[in-house]
Amino acid sequence: MEKNIESTRQLKVAKEIQKVMAEIIRSKGMAAFGGALVSVSGVKVSPDLSVAKIYVSVFPSEKAEAVMGVLEENTRPLRGELGSKMGKQLRIVPEIIFYLDSSLDYVEHIEELLKK
């Protein structure tokens, strides 16, 4: 069996964290992120469910650095909110780490190249 195959439980927890974290970020409003649109594009959870890597995409991408700063500064309160919303489903609330999902930038870059 391959080591990188995620268990059904990991996938279910990741999907639920993605849904809840998207709601939390949406509830903060665009003003909290300097007018940028922030969406949770994916979540990967460690096999022991103790760490959740949360991938976010930011539009416009020029604001990505500022948004990532805001998310990193607020990791603890965001994790707290996640815990209060998911506490019944999880024994421990995973440590959360935010990553920038640059796939939208990649798509944009390819489109630019194709226009030439």
Protein backbone atom coordinates (compact mmCIF):
# COMPACT_ATOMS: atom_id res chain seq x y z
CA MET A 1 0.00 0.00 0.00
CA GLU A 2 1.32 3.47 -0.87
CA LYS A 3 2.23 5.73 2.02
CA ASN A 4 0.79 8.93 0.54
CA ILE A 5 -2.78 7.68 0.22
CA GLU A 6 -4.97 9.58 2.64
CA SER A 7 -7.39 7.63 4.80
CA THR A 8 -11.13 8.13 4.48
CA ARG A 9 -11.13 9.73 7.93
CA GLN A 10 -8.40 12.19 6.91
CA LEU A 11 -10.35 13.15 3.81
CA LYS A 12 -13.62 13.60 5.74
CA VAL A 13 -11.94 15.73 8.42
CA ALA A 14 -10.13 17.79 5.76
CA LYS A 15 -13.38 18.42 3.88
CA GLU A 16 -15.16 19.49 7.06
CA ILE A 17 -12.28 21.78 8.11
CA GLN A 18 -12.31 23.32 4.62
CA LYS A 19 -16.05 24.02 4.87
CA VAL A 20 -15.89 25.46 8.40
CA MET A 21 -12.74 27.54 7.78
CA ALA A 22 -14.30 28.96 4.58
CA GLU A 23 -17.33 30.05 6.67
CA ILE A 24 -15.08 31.61 9.33
CA ILE A 25 -13.03 33.56 6.75
CA ARG A 26 -16.17 34.63 4.88
CA SER A 27 -17.70 35.88 8.15
CA LYS A 28 -14.70 38.20 8.68
CA GLY A 29 -15.54 40.01 5.45
CA MET A 30 -13.24 41.34 2.74
CA ALA A 31 -12.39 44.42 4.83
CA ALA A 32 -10.44 42.22 7.27
CA PHE A 33 -8.18 41.25 4.36
CA GLY A 34 -7.68 44.68 2.84
CA GLY A 35 -10.45 44.22 0.31
CA ALA A 36 -9.06 40.95 -1.06
CA LEU A 37 -11.25 37.96 -1.82
CA VAL A 38 -9.95 35.00 0.18
CA SER A 39 -11.12 31.44 -0.42
CA VAL A 40 -10.09 28.14 1.10
CA SER A 41 -9.07 26.06 -1.89
CA GLY A 42 -8.03 22.92 -0.04
CA VAL A 43 -7.04 21.27 3.23
CA LYS A 44 -4.63 18.43 3.90
CA VAL A 45 -4.67 16.75 7.30
CA SER A 46 -1.81 14.73 8.81
CA PRO A 47 -2.44 11.00 9.42
CA ASP A 48 -2.81 11.58 13.19
CA LEU A 49 -5.18 14.54 12.52
CA SER A 50 -2.97 16.87 14.58
CA VAL A 51 -1.98 19.25 11.77
CA ALA A 52 -4.15 20.81 9.06
CA LYS A 53 -2.49 22.54 6.12
CA ILE A 54 -5.00 25.08 4.84
CA TYR A 55 -4.51 26.31 1.28
CA VAL A 56 -6.00 29.70 0.48
CA SER A 57 -6.25 31.55 -2.79
CA VAL A 58 -6.30 35.33 -2.82
CA PHE A 59 -7.71 37.63 -5.47
CA PRO A 60 -6.24 39.97 -6.55
CA SER A 61 -2.92 38.17 -6.15
CA GLU A 62 -1.07 41.44 -5.45
CA LYS A 63 -2.67 41.38 -1.99
CA ALA A 64 -1.59 37.80 -1.25
CA GLU A 65 1.38 38.72 0.94
CA ALA A 66 -0.69 41.07 3.12
CA VAL A 67 -3.51 38.51 3.44
CA MET A 68 -1.09 35.74 4.43
CA GLY A 69 0.30 38.08 7.10
CA VAL A 70 -3.19 38.68 8.50
CA LEU A 71 -3.95 34.94 8.52
CA GLU A 72 -0.66 34.07 10.21
CA GLU A 73 -1.14 36.77 12.87
CA ASN A 74 -4.61 35.40 13.59
CA THR A 75 -3.85 31.67 13.50
CA ARG A 76 -4.64 31.18 17.21
CA PRO A 77 -8.04 32.91 17.23
CA LEU A 78 -8.96 31.22 13.92
CA ARG A 79 -8.02 27.83 15.40
CA GLY A 80 -10.13 28.71 18.44
CA GLU A 81 -13.13 29.44 16.23
CA LEU A 82 -12.54 26.22 14.32
CA GLY A 83 -12.49 24.37 17.64
CA SER A 84 -15.74 25.90 18.83
CA LYS A 85 -17.48 24.98 15.57
CA MET A 86 -15.96 21.48 15.23
CA GLY A 87 -15.31 20.55 18.85
CA LYS A 88 -18.01 17.89 18.87
CA GLN A 89 -16.50 16.09 15.87
CA LEU A 90 -12.83 16.12 16.84
CA ARG A 91 -11.04 15.05 19.99
CA ILE A 92 -8.25 17.54 19.38
CA VAL A 93 -8.41 20.61 17.16
CA PRO A 94 -5.52 20.35 14.70
CA GLU A 95 -2.72 22.88 14.59
CA ILE A 96 -3.40 25.00 11.49
CA ILE A 97 -0.85 26.23 8.99
CA PHE A 98 -1.83 28.52 6.13
CA TYR A 99 -0.31 28.14 2.67
CA LEU A 100 -0.87 30.29 -0.38
CA ASP A 101 -2.42 28.37 -3.25
CA SER A 102 -0.87 29.94 -6.33
CA SER A 103 -2.66 27.75 -8.88
CA LEU A 104 -4.84 30.72 -9.92
CA ASP A 105 -1.70 32.73 -10.67
CA TYR A 106 -0.42 29.81 -12.72
CA VAL A 107 -3.65 29.65 -14.74
CA GLU A 108 -3.50 33.43 -15.27
CA HIS A 109 0.12 33.16 -16.43
CA ILE A 110 -0.75 30.38 -18.92
CA GLU A 111 -3.65 32.45 -20.28
CA GLU A 112 -1.32 35.40 -20.77
CA LEU A 113 1.15 33.21 -22.64
CA LEU A 114 -1.60 31.83 -24.86
CA LYS A 115 -2.74 35.34 -25.81
CA LYS A 116 0.67 36.20 -27.27
